[in-house]
N, C-alpha and C. Protein backbone atom coordinates (compact mmCIF):
# COMPACT_ATOMS: atom_id res chain seq x y z
N PRO A 1 -6.10 -1.26 -14.81
CA PRO A 1 -5.34 -1.95 -13.78
C PRO A 1 -6.18 -2.37 -12.56
N GLN A 2 -7.19 -1.57 -12.22
CA GLN A 2 -8.00 -1.86 -11.04
C GLN A 2 -8.79 -3.19 -11.22
N LEU A 3 -9.35 -3.40 -12.38
CA LEU A 3 -10.10 -4.65 -12.64
C LEU A 3 -9.17 -5.82 -12.59
N ALA A 4 -8.00 -5.70 -13.16
CA ALA A 4 -7.03 -6.82 -13.10
C ALA A 4 -6.65 -7.12 -11.66
N LEU A 5 -6.49 -6.11 -10.83
CA LEU A 5 -6.19 -6.32 -9.41
C LEU A 5 -7.31 -7.07 -8.74
N GLU A 6 -8.54 -6.62 -8.99
CA GLU A 6 -9.69 -7.27 -8.39
C GLU A 6 -9.86 -8.72 -8.84
N MET A 7 -9.42 -9.02 -10.04
CA MET A 7 -9.53 -10.39 -10.56
C MET A 7 -8.31 -11.24 -10.18
N GLY A 8 -7.34 -10.64 -9.50
CA GLY A 8 -6.17 -11.39 -9.05
C GLY A 8 -5.08 -11.53 -10.11
N ASP A 9 -5.19 -10.81 -11.21
CA ASP A 9 -4.15 -10.88 -12.23
C ASP A 9 -3.17 -9.73 -11.96
N PHE A 10 -2.24 -10.00 -11.04
CA PHE A 10 -1.35 -8.96 -10.59
C PHE A 10 -0.35 -8.50 -11.63
N GLN A 11 0.07 -9.44 -12.46
CA GLN A 11 0.99 -9.04 -13.52
C GLN A 11 0.32 -8.08 -14.49
N LYS A 12 -0.89 -8.37 -14.89
CA LYS A 12 -1.63 -7.52 -15.81
C LYS A 12 -1.91 -6.15 -15.14
N ALA A 13 -2.23 -6.16 -13.87
CA ALA A 13 -2.49 -4.94 -13.14
C ALA A 13 -1.24 -4.06 -13.10
N GLU A 14 -0.13 -4.71 -12.83
CA GLU A 14 1.14 -3.98 -12.76
C GLU A 14 1.50 -3.40 -14.14
N GLU A 15 1.34 -4.20 -15.16
CA GLU A 15 1.64 -3.74 -16.52
C GLU A 15 0.78 -2.52 -16.89
N GLY A 16 -0.50 -2.59 -16.58
CA GLY A 16 -1.41 -1.49 -16.88
C GLY A 16 -1.07 -0.25 -16.12
N ALA A 17 -0.74 -0.37 -14.86
CA ALA A 17 -0.39 0.80 -14.05
C ALA A 17 0.95 1.38 -14.47
N GLU A 18 1.90 0.54 -14.81
CA GLU A 18 3.20 1.01 -15.32
C GLU A 18 3.00 1.75 -16.61
N ARG A 19 2.13 1.28 -17.47
CA ARG A 19 1.84 1.95 -18.73
C ARG A 19 1.26 3.33 -18.48
N LEU A 20 0.34 3.43 -17.54
CA LEU A 20 -0.24 4.74 -17.18
C LEU A 20 0.85 5.68 -16.66
N ALA A 21 1.76 5.15 -15.84
CA ALA A 21 2.82 5.98 -15.30
C ALA A 21 3.74 6.48 -16.42
N ARG A 22 4.06 5.62 -17.37
CA ARG A 22 4.90 6.07 -18.51
C ARG A 22 4.22 7.10 -19.35
N LEU A 23 2.90 7.07 -19.41
CA LEU A 23 2.15 8.05 -20.20
C LEU A 23 1.93 9.35 -19.43
N GLY A 24 2.51 9.45 -18.28
CA GLY A 24 2.41 10.69 -17.53
C GLY A 24 1.32 10.68 -16.47
N GLU A 25 0.67 9.57 -16.29
CA GLU A 25 -0.40 9.47 -15.25
C GLU A 25 0.15 8.91 -13.97
N SER A 26 1.25 9.51 -13.52
CA SER A 26 1.90 8.99 -12.32
C SER A 26 1.25 9.63 -11.05
N THR A 27 0.02 9.29 -10.84
CA THR A 27 -0.68 9.83 -9.67
C THR A 27 -0.47 8.92 -8.47
N ALA A 28 -0.88 9.39 -7.31
CA ALA A 28 -0.80 8.57 -6.11
C ALA A 28 -1.53 7.25 -6.28
N ALA A 29 -2.69 7.28 -6.95
CA ALA A 29 -3.45 6.06 -7.12
C ALA A 29 -2.75 5.06 -8.03
N VAL A 30 -2.11 5.58 -9.09
CA VAL A 30 -1.37 4.70 -9.99
C VAL A 30 -0.20 4.07 -9.25
N ARG A 31 0.54 4.86 -8.48
CA ARG A 31 1.69 4.34 -7.72
C ARG A 31 1.20 3.33 -6.68
N TYR A 32 0.06 3.60 -6.06
CA TYR A 32 -0.52 2.69 -5.09
C TYR A 32 -0.86 1.34 -5.76
N ASN A 33 -1.46 1.38 -6.94
CA ASN A 33 -1.83 0.16 -7.61
C ASN A 33 -0.60 -0.63 -8.04
N ILE A 34 0.46 0.05 -8.45
CA ILE A 34 1.71 -0.66 -8.77
C ILE A 34 2.24 -1.31 -7.51
N GLY A 35 2.24 -0.59 -6.41
CA GLY A 35 2.71 -1.13 -5.14
C GLY A 35 1.88 -2.34 -4.72
N LEU A 36 0.56 -2.25 -4.87
CA LEU A 36 -0.30 -3.36 -4.48
C LEU A 36 -0.04 -4.59 -5.35
N ALA A 37 0.12 -4.40 -6.63
CA ALA A 37 0.43 -5.53 -7.52
C ALA A 37 1.77 -6.14 -7.16
N ARG A 38 2.76 -5.32 -6.90
CA ARG A 38 4.06 -5.87 -6.51
C ARG A 38 4.02 -6.57 -5.17
N GLN A 39 3.27 -6.01 -4.24
CA GLN A 39 3.13 -6.64 -2.92
C GLN A 39 2.45 -8.02 -3.08
N LYS A 40 1.40 -8.06 -3.86
CA LYS A 40 0.67 -9.35 -4.03
C LYS A 40 1.52 -10.40 -4.71
N SER A 41 2.49 -9.96 -5.52
CA SER A 41 3.39 -10.94 -6.17
C SER A 41 4.63 -11.20 -5.33
N GLY A 42 4.67 -10.63 -4.12
CA GLY A 42 5.80 -10.93 -3.22
C GLY A 42 6.99 -10.00 -3.32
N SER A 43 6.93 -8.97 -4.11
CA SER A 43 8.04 -8.04 -4.27
C SER A 43 7.87 -6.86 -3.30
N HIS A 44 8.11 -7.15 -2.03
CA HIS A 44 7.84 -6.15 -1.01
C HIS A 44 8.74 -4.94 -1.03
N GLN A 45 9.98 -5.12 -1.44
CA GLN A 45 10.89 -3.97 -1.55
C GLN A 45 10.37 -3.00 -2.60
N GLU A 46 10.01 -3.50 -3.76
CA GLU A 46 9.47 -2.68 -4.84
C GLU A 46 8.12 -2.08 -4.43
N ALA A 47 7.31 -2.86 -3.78
CA ALA A 47 5.99 -2.36 -3.30
C ALA A 47 6.20 -1.18 -2.38
N SER A 48 7.12 -1.31 -1.46
CA SER A 48 7.42 -0.24 -0.50
C SER A 48 7.81 1.02 -1.24
N ARG A 49 8.64 0.88 -2.25
CA ARG A 49 9.08 2.07 -3.00
C ARG A 49 7.90 2.77 -3.64
N HIS A 50 7.00 2.04 -4.23
CA HIS A 50 5.82 2.64 -4.88
C HIS A 50 4.85 3.22 -3.89
N TYR A 51 4.64 2.55 -2.75
CA TYR A 51 3.79 3.13 -1.71
C TYR A 51 4.34 4.48 -1.23
N ARG A 52 5.67 4.52 -1.04
CA ARG A 52 6.31 5.76 -0.62
C ARG A 52 6.15 6.87 -1.65
N ARG A 53 6.22 6.49 -2.93
CA ARG A 53 6.02 7.50 -3.99
C ARG A 53 4.57 8.01 -3.96
N ALA A 54 3.63 7.11 -3.72
CA ALA A 54 2.22 7.52 -3.64
C ALA A 54 2.05 8.49 -2.44
N LEU A 55 2.73 8.18 -1.34
CA LEU A 55 2.65 9.04 -0.17
C LEU A 55 3.31 10.40 -0.34
N GLU A 56 4.30 10.44 -1.20
CA GLU A 56 4.92 11.75 -1.52
C GLU A 56 3.87 12.66 -2.16
N GLU A 57 3.05 12.11 -3.01
CA GLU A 57 2.02 12.88 -3.70
C GLU A 57 0.80 13.13 -2.86
N LYS A 58 0.50 12.19 -1.97
CA LYS A 58 -0.72 12.27 -1.15
C LYS A 58 -0.39 11.74 0.26
N PRO A 59 0.20 12.57 1.08
CA PRO A 59 0.68 12.11 2.41
C PRO A 59 -0.37 11.50 3.33
N ALA A 60 -1.63 11.83 3.15
CA ALA A 60 -2.68 11.29 4.02
C ALA A 60 -3.35 10.04 3.40
N PHE A 61 -2.71 9.39 2.46
CA PHE A 61 -3.26 8.22 1.75
C PHE A 61 -3.16 7.02 2.70
N SER A 62 -4.20 6.85 3.51
CA SER A 62 -4.17 5.84 4.58
C SER A 62 -4.03 4.42 4.06
N GLU A 63 -4.64 4.08 2.92
CA GLU A 63 -4.50 2.73 2.39
C GLU A 63 -3.07 2.46 1.98
N ALA A 64 -2.38 3.46 1.45
CA ALA A 64 -0.96 3.28 1.10
C ALA A 64 -0.14 3.07 2.38
N LEU A 65 -0.48 3.79 3.44
CA LEU A 65 0.23 3.62 4.70
C LEU A 65 0.04 2.20 5.25
N VAL A 66 -1.20 1.71 5.20
CA VAL A 66 -1.50 0.38 5.73
C VAL A 66 -0.68 -0.66 4.97
N ASN A 67 -0.72 -0.58 3.64
CA ASN A 67 -0.02 -1.59 2.84
C ASN A 67 1.50 -1.44 2.89
N LEU A 68 1.97 -0.19 3.04
CA LEU A 68 3.42 0.01 3.24
C LEU A 68 3.81 -0.69 4.52
N GLY A 69 3.01 -0.58 5.54
CA GLY A 69 3.29 -1.28 6.81
C GLY A 69 3.38 -2.81 6.61
N HIS A 70 2.46 -3.35 5.83
CA HIS A 70 2.51 -4.81 5.57
C HIS A 70 3.78 -5.20 4.83
N SER A 71 4.18 -4.41 3.86
CA SER A 71 5.40 -4.72 3.11
C SER A 71 6.63 -4.59 4.00
N LEU A 72 6.67 -3.57 4.83
CA LEU A 72 7.77 -3.36 5.76
C LEU A 72 7.88 -4.53 6.72
N ARG A 73 6.71 -4.96 7.21
CA ARG A 73 6.72 -6.11 8.13
C ARG A 73 7.22 -7.37 7.43
N ALA A 74 6.83 -7.57 6.18
CA ALA A 74 7.30 -8.72 5.42
C ALA A 74 8.79 -8.67 5.19
N LEU A 75 9.34 -7.45 5.16
CA LEU A 75 10.78 -7.26 4.98
C LEU A 75 11.54 -7.35 6.31
N GLY A 76 10.80 -7.53 7.39
CA GLY A 76 11.44 -7.67 8.69
C GLY A 76 11.61 -6.40 9.47
N ASP A 77 11.02 -5.31 9.02
CA ASP A 77 11.16 -4.04 9.73
C ASP A 77 9.88 -3.74 10.53
N GLU A 78 9.70 -4.51 11.57
CA GLU A 78 8.50 -4.39 12.41
C GLU A 78 8.36 -3.02 13.06
N PRO A 79 9.44 -2.42 13.59
CA PRO A 79 9.28 -1.07 14.19
C PRO A 79 8.79 -0.04 13.19
N GLU A 80 9.34 -0.04 11.99
CA GLU A 80 8.89 0.95 10.99
C GLU A 80 7.46 0.64 10.54
N ALA A 81 7.14 -0.67 10.42
CA ALA A 81 5.77 -1.04 10.06
C ALA A 81 4.78 -0.49 11.08
N ARG A 82 5.08 -0.65 12.34
CA ARG A 82 4.19 -0.15 13.41
C ARG A 82 4.08 1.37 13.38
N ARG A 83 5.18 2.03 13.12
CA ARG A 83 5.14 3.51 13.05
C ARG A 83 4.25 3.96 11.90
N VAL A 84 4.33 3.31 10.77
CA VAL A 84 3.51 3.64 9.60
C VAL A 84 2.03 3.31 9.88
N TRP A 85 1.78 2.19 10.53
CA TRP A 85 0.39 1.86 10.87
C TRP A 85 -0.20 2.85 11.84
N ARG A 86 0.59 3.33 12.81
CA ARG A 86 0.09 4.38 13.70
C ARG A 86 -0.28 5.62 12.95
N GLN A 87 0.57 5.98 12.00
CA GLN A 87 0.28 7.14 11.15
C GLN A 87 -1.01 6.97 10.37
N ALA A 88 -1.24 5.74 9.86
CA ALA A 88 -2.45 5.45 9.12
C ALA A 88 -3.69 5.63 10.00
N VAL A 89 -3.61 5.15 11.21
CA VAL A 89 -4.75 5.26 12.13
C VAL A 89 -4.98 6.73 12.53
N GLU A 90 -3.88 7.49 12.65
CA GLU A 90 -4.06 8.94 12.93
C GLU A 90 -4.78 9.63 11.77
N GLU A 91 -4.46 9.24 10.54
CA GLU A 91 -5.09 9.82 9.37
C GLU A 91 -6.54 9.42 9.23
N LYS A 92 -6.79 8.15 9.58
CA LYS A 92 -8.14 7.58 9.42
C LYS A 92 -8.44 6.67 10.60
N PRO A 93 -8.95 7.24 11.68
CA PRO A 93 -9.15 6.46 12.93
C PRO A 93 -9.98 5.19 12.81
N GLU A 94 -10.92 5.12 11.89
CA GLU A 94 -11.73 3.92 11.73
C GLU A 94 -10.91 2.70 11.33
N LEU A 95 -9.70 2.92 10.84
CA LEU A 95 -8.81 1.77 10.51
C LEU A 95 -8.49 0.94 11.76
N ALA A 96 -8.51 1.57 12.90
CA ALA A 96 -8.24 0.85 14.16
C ALA A 96 -9.22 -0.33 14.31
N ASP A 97 -10.48 -0.11 13.89
CA ASP A 97 -11.49 -1.15 13.99
C ASP A 97 -11.48 -2.09 12.80
N THR A 98 -11.28 -1.53 11.59
CA THR A 98 -11.40 -2.37 10.40
C THR A 98 -10.16 -3.18 10.06
N HIS A 99 -8.97 -2.67 10.39
CA HIS A 99 -7.74 -3.34 10.04
C HIS A 99 -6.95 -3.89 11.23
N PHE A 100 -7.10 -3.24 12.36
CA PHE A 100 -6.22 -3.54 13.48
C PHE A 100 -6.93 -4.06 14.72
N ALA A 101 -8.21 -4.34 14.66
CA ALA A 101 -8.95 -4.75 15.84
C ALA A 101 -8.40 -6.04 16.43
N LYS A 102 -7.88 -6.93 15.63
CA LYS A 102 -7.37 -8.21 16.14
C LYS A 102 -6.07 -7.99 16.94
N PHE A 103 -5.44 -6.82 16.80
CA PHE A 103 -4.19 -6.56 17.53
C PHE A 103 -4.41 -5.79 18.80
N THR A 104 -5.63 -5.36 19.06
CA THR A 104 -5.89 -4.56 20.28
C THR A 104 -6.59 -5.46 21.29
N PRO A 105 -6.19 -5.32 22.57
CA PRO A 105 -6.81 -6.16 23.61
C PRO A 105 -8.29 -5.81 23.79
N GLN A 106 -9.06 -6.82 24.07
CA GLN A 106 -10.49 -6.63 24.27
C GLN A 106 -10.74 -6.37 25.78
N ALA A 107 -11.64 -5.43 26.06
CA ALA A 107 -11.95 -5.10 27.45
C ALA A 107 -12.92 -6.07 28.06
């Protein structure tokens, strides 16, 4: 599934990750990859569900938090998106520079 994601074949990535989940490999990484594939194909509600499942297994999964925030924002829930993004930065402070620098005022 990871290679398919990197190549932009989101349907194939989703199918591969779903297959792994059905085979009992429902890890945080598998759920994250399903969420990412769904997000890239515009299914933000489903993406959010899978990101949340990944976070149930691995609460400090900062990449899942960042992308959950993007899906929530796309669904119109800006306050919750910001709350999740703050949590992501608390888990991994360097995200403030790599993902959110454009949102912070320059001194």
